[in-house]
Amino acid sequence: MARAKNEARETAQVLFFQDYSQKEIAKALNVGEKTVGRWAKEGNWKNRKQSLIISKEQRLQELYEELEELNAQIRSKPDKGNQGERKYRVANITEANIRRGLIKDIKDLETDYAVGEMISIGIDFTNFLKKLDFDLAGKVKEAYDGFINQQITNKKWQK
């Protein structure tokens, strides 16, 4: 009995992340709207959903801005000397490590799919589909959730 309740709660959360209303979730799972509302509040679903849907582009933009700020800070340092006629500025070890980490994070984001991005695509698709066929949307959501979980298990997506 407890296992079935936990499975219903987990399914409700996934549906919530896919923009189903509490009423739709309650109907699909044959539970009360108040129960779904309590689960959402206890699980902090609203905040968790927000963190999942931050787009890859937003994260990349933030990293690029942080890298530019770091480079500007390094450029504003006094000159370290001359190399022929050219003056140069050098990052200290902390700045160099931070820059290296930012560059790696940018490369990873540019070459890998982010779980949040794929979930966002799934949400958009199931929202489209549920307007056409609510039951089919539920089945597709189940298959898509399995796909996401398999990709995470296989460590295809690291972010």
N, C-alpha and C. Protein backbone atom coordinates (compact mmCIF):
# COMPACT_ATOMS: atom_id res chain seq x y z
N MET A 1 0.83 -1.20 0.00
CA MET A 1 0.00 0.00 0.00
C MET A 1 0.87 1.26 0.00
N ALA A 2 1.89 1.27 0.88
CA ALA A 2 2.78 2.43 0.95
C ALA A 2 3.56 2.61 -0.35
N ARG A 3 3.94 1.47 -0.96
CA ARG A 3 4.68 1.54 -2.22
C ARG A 3 3.83 2.17 -3.32
N ALA A 4 2.57 1.77 -3.38
CA ALA A 4 1.65 2.32 -4.39
C ALA A 4 1.47 3.83 -4.17
N LYS A 5 1.39 4.24 -2.91
CA LYS A 5 1.22 5.66 -2.59
C LYS A 5 2.47 6.44 -3.01
N ASN A 6 3.65 5.87 -2.74
CA ASN A 6 4.90 6.53 -3.15
C ASN A 6 5.00 6.63 -4.67
N GLU A 7 4.58 5.57 -5.37
CA GLU A 7 4.61 5.60 -6.83
C GLU A 7 3.66 6.65 -7.37
N ALA A 8 2.48 6.77 -6.75
CA ALA A 8 1.51 7.79 -7.17
C ALA A 8 2.09 9.19 -6.94
N ARG A 9 2.73 9.36 -5.81
CA ARG A 9 3.33 10.66 -5.49
C ARG A 9 4.44 11.01 -6.49
N GLU A 10 5.29 10.04 -6.82
CA GLU A 10 6.37 10.26 -7.79
C GLU A 10 5.81 10.57 -9.18
N THR A 11 4.77 9.84 -9.57
CA THR A 11 4.13 10.09 -10.86
C THR A 11 3.51 11.49 -10.87
N ALA A 12 2.88 11.86 -9.76
CA ALA A 12 2.28 13.19 -9.65
C ALA A 12 3.35 14.28 -9.83
N GLN A 13 4.50 14.06 -9.23
CA GLN A 13 5.58 15.05 -9.35
C GLN A 13 6.04 15.18 -10.79
N VAL A 14 6.20 14.07 -11.47
CA VAL A 14 6.63 14.11 -12.87
C VAL A 14 5.59 14.85 -13.71
N LEU A 15 4.31 14.56 -13.48
CA LEU A 15 3.25 15.25 -14.21
C LEU A 15 3.27 16.75 -13.90
N PHE A 16 3.52 17.10 -12.66
CA PHE A 16 3.60 18.50 -12.27
C PHE A 16 4.73 19.18 -13.03
N PHE A 17 5.88 18.52 -13.13
CA PHE A 17 7.02 19.07 -13.86
C PHE A 17 6.72 19.21 -15.34
N GLN A 18 5.75 18.44 -15.82
CA GLN A 18 5.36 18.52 -17.23
C GLN A 18 4.16 19.45 -17.43
N ASP A 19 3.93 20.31 -16.45
CA ASP A 19 2.91 21.36 -16.51
C ASP A 19 1.46 20.87 -16.48
N TYR A 20 1.23 19.70 -15.94
CA TYR A 20 -0.14 19.29 -15.70
C TYR A 20 -0.64 20.06 -14.48
N SER A 21 -1.92 20.41 -14.48
CA SER A 21 -2.49 21.11 -13.33
C SER A 21 -2.74 20.10 -12.21
N GLN A 22 -2.90 20.61 -10.99
CA GLN A 22 -3.18 19.71 -9.86
C GLN A 22 -4.48 18.95 -10.10
N LYS A 23 -5.43 19.61 -10.73
CA LYS A 23 -6.71 18.96 -11.04
C LYS A 23 -6.50 17.80 -12.02
N GLU A 24 -5.71 18.05 -13.07
CA GLU A 24 -5.42 17.00 -14.05
C GLU A 24 -4.67 15.84 -13.42
N ILE A 25 -3.72 16.16 -12.56
CA ILE A 25 -2.95 15.11 -11.88
C ILE A 25 -3.86 14.28 -11.00
N ALA A 26 -4.70 14.95 -10.22
CA ALA A 26 -5.63 14.24 -9.33
C ALA A 26 -6.53 13.30 -10.13
N LYS A 27 -7.04 13.79 -11.24
CA LYS A 27 -7.92 12.97 -12.09
C LYS A 27 -7.17 11.77 -12.66
N ALA A 28 -5.96 12.02 -13.18
CA ALA A 28 -5.18 10.95 -13.80
C ALA A 28 -4.81 9.86 -12.80
N LEU A 29 -4.57 10.25 -11.54
CA LEU A 29 -4.11 9.29 -10.53
C LEU A 29 -5.22 8.84 -9.58
N ASN A 30 -6.41 9.40 -9.79
CA ASN A 30 -7.55 9.04 -8.96
C ASN A 30 -7.30 9.33 -7.47
N VAL A 31 -6.78 10.53 -7.21
CA VAL A 31 -6.57 11.02 -5.84
C VAL A 31 -7.19 12.41 -5.74
N GLY A 32 -7.32 12.91 -4.54
CA GLY A 32 -7.91 14.22 -4.35
C GLY A 32 -6.96 15.35 -4.72
N GLU A 33 -7.53 16.48 -5.15
CA GLU A 33 -6.72 17.65 -5.47
C GLU A 33 -5.94 18.14 -4.26
N LYS A 34 -6.56 18.04 -3.07
CA LYS A 34 -5.88 18.48 -1.85
C LYS A 34 -4.66 17.61 -1.57
N THR A 35 -4.77 16.34 -1.88
CA THR A 35 -3.63 15.43 -1.69
C THR A 35 -2.48 15.84 -2.60
N VAL A 36 -2.79 16.13 -3.85
CA VAL A 36 -1.75 16.56 -4.80
C VAL A 36 -1.14 17.88 -4.32
N GLY A 37 -2.00 18.79 -3.84
CA GLY A 37 -1.50 20.07 -3.34
C GLY A 37 -0.56 19.89 -2.15
N ARG A 38 -0.91 18.98 -1.26
CA ARG A 38 -0.06 18.70 -0.08
C ARG A 38 1.27 18.10 -0.52
N TRP A 39 1.22 17.16 -1.47
CA TRP A 39 2.46 16.56 -1.97
C TRP A 39 3.36 17.63 -2.59
N ALA A 40 2.76 18.52 -3.37
CA ALA A 40 3.53 19.58 -4.04
C ALA A 40 4.19 20.49 -3.00
N LYS A 41 3.45 20.83 -1.96
CA LYS A 41 3.99 21.71 -0.92
C LYS A 41 5.10 21.00 -0.15
N GLU A 42 4.85 19.77 0.28
CA GLU A 42 5.86 19.02 1.05
C GLU A 42 7.13 18.76 0.24
N GLY A 43 6.96 18.50 -1.05
CA GLY A 43 8.12 18.19 -1.90
C GLY A 43 8.77 19.41 -2.52
N ASN A 44 8.23 20.59 -2.23
CA ASN A 44 8.77 21.84 -2.78
C ASN A 44 8.88 21.77 -4.30
N TRP A 45 7.83 21.23 -4.93
CA TRP A 45 7.85 20.99 -6.36
C TRP A 45 8.04 22.25 -7.17
N LYS A 46 7.43 23.34 -6.76
CA LYS A 46 7.50 24.58 -7.54
C LYS A 46 8.95 25.04 -7.71
N ASN A 47 9.70 25.08 -6.61
CA ASN A 47 11.10 25.51 -6.68
C ASN A 47 11.96 24.51 -7.44
N ARG A 48 11.70 23.23 -7.24
CA ARG A 48 12.47 22.20 -7.94
C ARG A 48 12.23 22.27 -9.44
N LYS A 49 10.99 22.55 -9.83
CA LYS A 49 10.67 22.65 -11.25
C LYS A 49 11.44 23.82 -11.88
N GLN A 50 11.48 24.95 -11.18
CA GLN A 50 12.20 26.11 -11.69
C GLN A 50 13.67 25.79 -11.94
N SER A 51 14.29 25.06 -11.02
CA SER A 51 15.71 24.75 -11.20
C SER A 51 15.95 23.80 -12.36
N LEU A 52 14.95 22.99 -12.71
CA LEU A 52 15.12 22.06 -13.83
C LEU A 52 14.99 22.73 -15.18
N ILE A 53 14.23 23.80 -15.24
CA ILE A 53 13.94 24.35 -16.56
C ILE A 53 14.84 25.52 -16.94
N ILE A 54 15.85 25.79 -16.14
CA ILE A 54 16.82 26.80 -16.56
C ILE A 54 17.49 26.28 -17.83
N SER A 55 17.42 27.05 -18.85
CA SER A 55 17.90 26.56 -20.14
C SER A 55 19.43 26.54 -20.21
N LYS A 56 19.89 25.73 -21.10
CA LYS A 56 21.31 25.61 -21.37
C LYS A 56 21.87 26.97 -21.80
N GLU A 57 21.10 27.70 -22.62
CA GLU A 57 21.54 29.00 -23.09
C GLU A 57 21.71 29.98 -21.94
N GLN A 58 20.79 29.95 -20.97
CA GLN A 58 20.90 30.84 -19.81
C GLN A 58 22.17 30.52 -19.02
N ARG A 59 22.41 29.23 -18.80
CA ARG A 59 23.61 28.84 -18.05
C ARG A 59 24.88 29.23 -18.80
N LEU A 60 24.88 29.03 -20.12
CA LEU A 60 26.04 29.42 -20.92
C LEU A 60 26.27 30.92 -20.85
N GLN A 61 25.21 31.70 -20.96
CA GLN A 61 25.33 33.15 -20.88
C GLN A 61 25.92 33.57 -19.55
N GLU A 62 25.47 32.96 -18.46
CA GLU A 62 26.01 33.29 -17.14
C GLU A 62 27.50 32.96 -17.06
N LEU A 63 27.89 31.81 -17.60
CA LEU A 63 29.30 31.42 -17.57
C LEU A 63 30.16 32.36 -18.42
N TYR A 64 29.67 32.72 -19.61
CA TYR A 64 30.40 33.67 -20.45
C TYR A 64 30.57 35.01 -19.75
N GLU A 65 29.53 35.49 -19.09
CA GLU A 65 29.61 36.76 -18.37
C GLU A 65 30.62 36.68 -17.23
N GLU A 66 30.59 35.56 -16.51
CA GLU A 66 31.54 35.37 -15.41
C GLU A 66 32.98 35.33 -15.94
N LEU A 67 33.19 34.64 -17.05
CA LEU A 67 34.52 34.58 -17.66
C LEU A 67 34.97 35.97 -18.12
N GLU A 68 34.08 36.74 -18.71
CA GLU A 68 34.43 38.08 -19.15
C GLU A 68 34.78 38.97 -17.96
N GLU A 69 34.04 38.86 -16.87
CA GLU A 69 34.36 39.65 -15.67
C GLU A 69 35.75 39.28 -15.13
N LEU A 70 36.05 38.00 -15.11
CA LEU A 70 37.36 37.55 -14.65
C LEU A 70 38.46 38.09 -15.56
N ASN A 71 38.26 37.99 -16.87
CA ASN A 71 39.27 38.50 -17.81
C ASN A 71 39.44 40.01 -17.67
N ALA A 72 38.35 40.73 -17.45
CA ALA A 72 38.44 42.18 -17.25
C ALA A 72 39.24 42.50 -15.99
N GLN A 73 39.03 41.71 -14.96
CA GLN A 73 39.78 41.89 -13.70
C GLN A 73 41.27 41.66 -13.94
N ILE A 74 41.60 40.65 -14.70
CA ILE A 74 43.01 40.35 -15.01
C ILE A 74 43.60 41.48 -15.86
N ARG A 75 42.85 41.95 -16.85
CA ARG A 75 43.34 43.04 -17.71
C ARG A 75 43.54 44.34 -16.95
N SER A 76 42.81 44.52 -15.86
CA SER A 76 42.93 45.79 -15.11
C SER A 76 44.14 45.80 -14.17
N LYS A 77 44.84 44.70 -14.05
CA LYS A 77 46.04 44.63 -13.20
C LYS A 77 47.16 45.47 -13.80
N PRO A 78 48.06 45.93 -12.96
CA PRO A 78 49.23 46.64 -13.49
C PRO A 78 50.07 45.71 -14.36
N ASP A 79 50.77 46.30 -15.32
CA ASP A 79 51.63 45.52 -16.21
C ASP A 79 52.71 44.82 -15.39
N LYS A 80 53.04 43.60 -15.81
CA LYS A 80 54.07 42.82 -15.12
C LYS A 80 55.44 43.04 -15.71
N GLY A 81 55.51 43.61 -16.86
CA GLY A 81 56.82 43.83 -17.46
C GLY A 81 56.71 43.92 -18.96
N ASN A 82 57.84 43.90 -19.60
CA ASN A 82 57.86 44.00 -21.06
C ASN A 82 58.34 42.69 -21.65
N GLN A 83 57.77 42.40 -22.78
CA GLN A 83 58.21 41.24 -23.54
C GLN A 83 58.47 41.81 -24.93
N GLY A 84 59.68 42.26 -25.14
CA GLY A 84 59.97 43.05 -26.32
C GLY A 84 59.32 44.41 -26.11
N GLU A 85 58.42 44.78 -26.98
CA GLU A 85 57.70 46.05 -26.83
C GLU A 85 56.33 45.83 -26.21
N ARG A 86 55.90 44.59 -26.09
CA ARG A 86 54.55 44.29 -25.64
C ARG A 86 54.50 44.12 -24.13
N LYS A 87 53.57 44.80 -23.48
CA LYS A 87 53.37 44.62 -22.04
C LYS A 87 52.34 43.51 -21.84
N TYR A 88 52.44 42.83 -20.72
CA TYR A 88 51.50 41.75 -20.48
C TYR A 88 51.05 41.74 -19.02
N ARG A 89 49.90 41.11 -18.80
CA ARG A 89 49.33 40.93 -17.47
C ARG A 89 49.15 39.44 -17.26
N VAL A 90 49.34 38.98 -16.04
CA VAL A 90 49.30 37.55 -15.76
C VAL A 90 48.25 37.27 -14.68
N ALA A 91 47.46 36.23 -14.89
CA ALA A 91 46.51 35.79 -13.87
C ALA A 91 47.28 35.10 -12.76
N ASN A 92 46.84 35.32 -11.52
CA ASN A 92 47.45 34.55 -10.42
C ASN A 92 46.90 33.13 -10.46
N ILE A 93 47.42 32.27 -9.61
CA ILE A 93 47.05 30.84 -9.67
C ILE A 93 45.56 30.64 -9.43
N THR A 94 44.97 31.41 -8.52
CA THR A 94 43.54 31.28 -8.25
C THR A 94 42.73 31.69 -9.47
N GLU A 95 43.08 32.82 -10.07
CA GLU A 95 42.37 33.29 -11.26
C GLU A 95 42.53 32.30 -12.42
N ALA A 96 43.72 31.76 -12.57
CA ALA A 96 43.96 30.81 -13.65
C ALA A 96 43.11 29.54 -13.46
N ASN A 97 43.02 29.06 -12.22
CA ASN A 97 42.21 27.88 -11.95
C ASN A 97 40.72 28.14 -12.17
N ILE A 98 40.27 29.32 -11.75
CA ILE A 98 38.87 29.67 -11.96
C ILE A 98 38.58 29.77 -13.46
N ARG A 99 39.49 30.41 -14.19
CA ARG A 99 39.29 30.55 -15.64
C ARG A 99 39.27 29.17 -16.32
N ARG A 100 40.19 28.32 -15.93
CA ARG A 100 40.24 26.96 -16.48
C ARG A 100 38.91 26.23 -16.21
N GLY A 101 38.40 26.36 -14.99
CA GLY A 101 37.13 25.72 -14.64
C GLY A 101 35.96 26.27 -15.43
N LEU A 102 35.92 27.58 -15.61
CA LEU A 102 34.84 28.19 -16.40
C LEU A 102 34.89 27.73 -17.85
N ILE A 103 36.09 27.70 -18.41
CA ILE A 103 36.24 27.25 -19.80
C ILE A 103 35.80 25.80 -19.95
N LYS A 104 36.14 24.95 -18.98
CA LYS A 104 35.71 23.55 -19.02
C LYS A 104 34.20 23.44 -18.93
N ASP A 105 33.60 24.20 -18.01
CA ASP A 105 32.14 24.16 -17.87
C ASP A 105 31.45 24.63 -19.14
N ILE A 106 31.99 25.67 -19.78
CA ILE A 106 31.42 26.16 -21.03
C ILE A 106 31.52 25.09 -22.11
N LYS A 107 32.68 24.46 -22.22
CA LYS A 107 32.86 23.40 -23.22
C LYS A 107 31.89 22.26 -22.99
N ASP A 108 31.75 21.84 -21.73
CA ASP A 108 30.83 20.76 -21.41
C ASP A 108 29.40 21.12 -21.80
N LEU A 109 28.98 22.33 -21.47
CA LEU A 109 27.62 22.74 -21.80
C LEU A 109 27.41 22.86 -23.31
N GLU A 110 28.43 23.27 -24.01
CA GLU A 110 28.29 23.43 -25.46
C GLU A 110 28.27 22.09 -26.19
N THR A 111 28.83 21.06 -25.59
CA THR A 111 28.93 19.77 -26.28
C THR A 111 27.99 18.70 -25.73
N ASP A 112 27.49 18.86 -24.52
CA ASP A 112 26.63 17.85 -23.92
C ASP A 112 25.20 18.35 -23.81
N TYR A 113 24.28 17.42 -23.80
CA TYR A 113 22.89 17.75 -23.52
C TYR A 113 22.73 17.83 -22.01
N ALA A 114 21.97 18.81 -21.57
CA ALA A 114 21.67 18.93 -20.16
C ALA A 114 20.34 18.23 -19.88
N VAL A 115 20.25 17.56 -18.75
CA VAL A 115 19.03 16.87 -18.38
C VAL A 115 17.87 17.86 -18.34
N GLY A 116 18.09 19.02 -17.76
CA GLY A 116 17.04 20.02 -17.67
C GLY A 116 16.52 20.43 -19.04
N GLU A 117 17.43 20.54 -20.01
CA GLU A 117 17.03 20.90 -21.36
C GLU A 117 16.16 19.81 -21.98
N MET A 118 16.55 18.57 -21.78
CA MET A 118 15.76 17.47 -22.34
C MET A 118 14.41 17.36 -21.65
N ILE A 119 14.37 17.60 -20.35
CA ILE A 119 13.10 17.58 -19.64
C ILE A 119 12.20 18.69 -20.15
N SER A 120 12.78 19.85 -20.41
CA SER A 120 12.02 20.98 -20.94
C SER A 120 11.39 20.63 -22.29
N ILE A 121 12.14 19.96 -23.13
CA ILE A 121 11.62 19.53 -24.43
C ILE A 121 10.47 18.54 -24.22
N GLY A 122 10.66 17.61 -23.30
CA GLY A 122 9.61 16.64 -22.98
C GLY A 122 8.35 17.31 -22.46
N ILE A 123 8.52 18.33 -21.63
CA ILE A 123 7.38 19.08 -21.10
C ILE A 123 6.62 19.75 -22.24
N ASP A 124 7.35 20.40 -23.13
CA ASP A 124 6.70 21.08 -24.26
C ASP A 124 5.93 20.08 -25.12
N PHE A 125 6.54 18.94 -25.38
CA PHE A 125 5.88 17.94 -26.23
C PHE A 125 4.65 17.37 -25.55
N THR A 126 4.75 17.00 -24.28
CA THR A 126 3.59 16.41 -23.61
C THR A 126 2.48 17.43 -23.41
N ASN A 127 2.82 18.71 -23.24
CA ASN A 127 1.78 19.74 -23.17
C ASN A 127 1.02 19.82 -24.49
N PHE A 128 1.75 19.74 -25.58
CA PHE A 128 1.13 19.72 -26.90
C PHE A 128 0.24 18.49 -27.04
N LEU A 129 0.77 17.34 -26.66
CA LEU A 129 0.07 16.08 -26.85
C LEU A 129 -1.15 15.94 -25.95
N LYS A 130 -1.07 16.44 -24.73
CA LYS A 130 -2.20 16.26 -23.82
C LYS A 130 -3.44 17.02 -24.27
N LYS A 131 -3.25 18.07 -25.08
CA LYS A 131 -4.39 18.79 -25.65
C LYS A 131 -5.08 17.94 -26.72
N LEU A 132 -4.32 17.08 -27.35
CA LEU A 132 -4.87 16.22 -28.39
C LEU A 132 -5.44 14.93 -27.81
N ASP A 133 -4.69 14.34 -26.89
CA ASP A 133 -5.10 13.04 -26.32
C ASP A 133 -4.45 12.88 -24.96
N PHE A 134 -5.22 13.13 -23.91
CA PHE A 134 -4.70 13.12 -22.54
C PHE A 134 -4.11 11.75 -22.18
N ASP A 135 -4.83 10.66 -22.52
CA ASP A 135 -4.34 9.32 -22.18
C ASP A 135 -3.05 8.99 -22.91
N LEU A 136 -2.97 9.35 -24.18
CA LEU A 136 -1.75 9.11 -24.94
C LEU A 136 -0.59 9.92 -24.36
N ALA A 137 -0.87 11.15 -23.95
CA ALA A 137 0.17 11.99 -23.34
C ALA A 137 0.74 11.31 -22.10
N GLY A 138 -0.12 10.67 -21.30
CA GLY A 138 0.33 9.95 -20.11
C GLY A 138 1.26 8.80 -20.47
N LYS A 139 0.90 8.06 -21.53
CA LYS A 139 1.74 6.93 -21.96
C LYS A 139 3.09 7.42 -22.51
N VAL A 140 3.04 8.48 -23.29
CA VAL A 140 4.28 9.03 -23.84
C VAL A 140 5.16 9.56 -22.72
N LYS A 141 4.55 10.22 -21.74
CA LYS A 141 5.29 10.74 -20.58
C LYS A 141 6.01 9.61 -19.87
N GLU A 142 5.31 8.49 -19.69
CA GLU A 142 5.91 7.33 -19.04
C GLU A 142 7.14 6.84 -19.81
N ALA A 143 6.99 6.72 -21.12
CA ALA A 143 8.10 6.27 -21.95
C ALA A 143 9.24 7.28 -21.92
N TYR A 144 8.91 8.57 -21.97
CA TYR A 144 9.94 9.61 -21.96
C TYR A 144 10.68 9.62 -20.63
N ASP A 145 9.95 9.44 -19.53
CA ASP A 145 10.59 9.36 -18.21
C ASP A 145 11.57 8.19 -18.16
N GLY A 146 11.16 7.05 -18.74
CA GLY A 146 12.05 5.91 -18.79
C GLY A 146 13.30 6.21 -19.59
N PHE A 147 13.13 6.90 -20.70
CA PHE A 147 14.25 7.30 -21.55
C PHE A 147 15.22 8.20 -20.78
N ILE A 148 14.68 9.23 -20.10
CA ILE A 148 15.51 10.15 -19.31
C ILE A 148 16.28 9.38 -18.24
N ASN A 149 15.57 8.52 -17.51
CA ASN A 149 16.22 7.74 -16.44
C ASN A 149 17.31 6.83 -16.99
N GLN A 150 17.08 6.23 -18.15
CA GLN A 150 18.09 5.38 -18.77
C GLN A 150 19.33 6.19 -19.16
N GLN A 151 19.11 7.37 -19.71
CA GLN A 151 20.23 8.21 -20.11
C GLN A 151 21.05 8.64 -18.89
N ILE A 152 20.35 8.96 -17.81
CA ILE A 152 21.06 9.35 -16.58
C ILE A 152 21.83 8.16 -16.03
N THR A 153 21.19 6.99 -16.01
CA THR A 153 21.85 5.78 -15.51
C THR A 153 23.10 5.45 -16.33
N ASN A 154 23.00 5.63 -17.64
CA ASN A 154 24.14 5.36 -18.52
C ASN A 154 25.15 6.50 -18.54
N LYS A 155 24.86 7.53 -17.75
CA LYS A 155 25.75 8.71 -17.60
C LYS A 155 26.00 9.39 -18.93
N LYS A 156 24.99 9.35 -19.81
CA LYS A 156 25.13 10.06 -21.08
C LYS A 156 25.13 11.56 -20.84
N TRP A 157 24.31 11.99 -19.87
CA TRP A 157 24.21 13.40 -19.53
C TRP A 157 24.84 13.60 -18.16
N GLN A 158 25.82 14.43 -18.08
CA GLN A 158 26.51 14.67 -16.82
C GLN A 158 25.99 15.90 -16.10
N LYS A 159 25.27 16.77 -16.78
CA LYS A 159 24.79 18.01 -16.17
C LYS A 159 23.34 17.90 -15.86
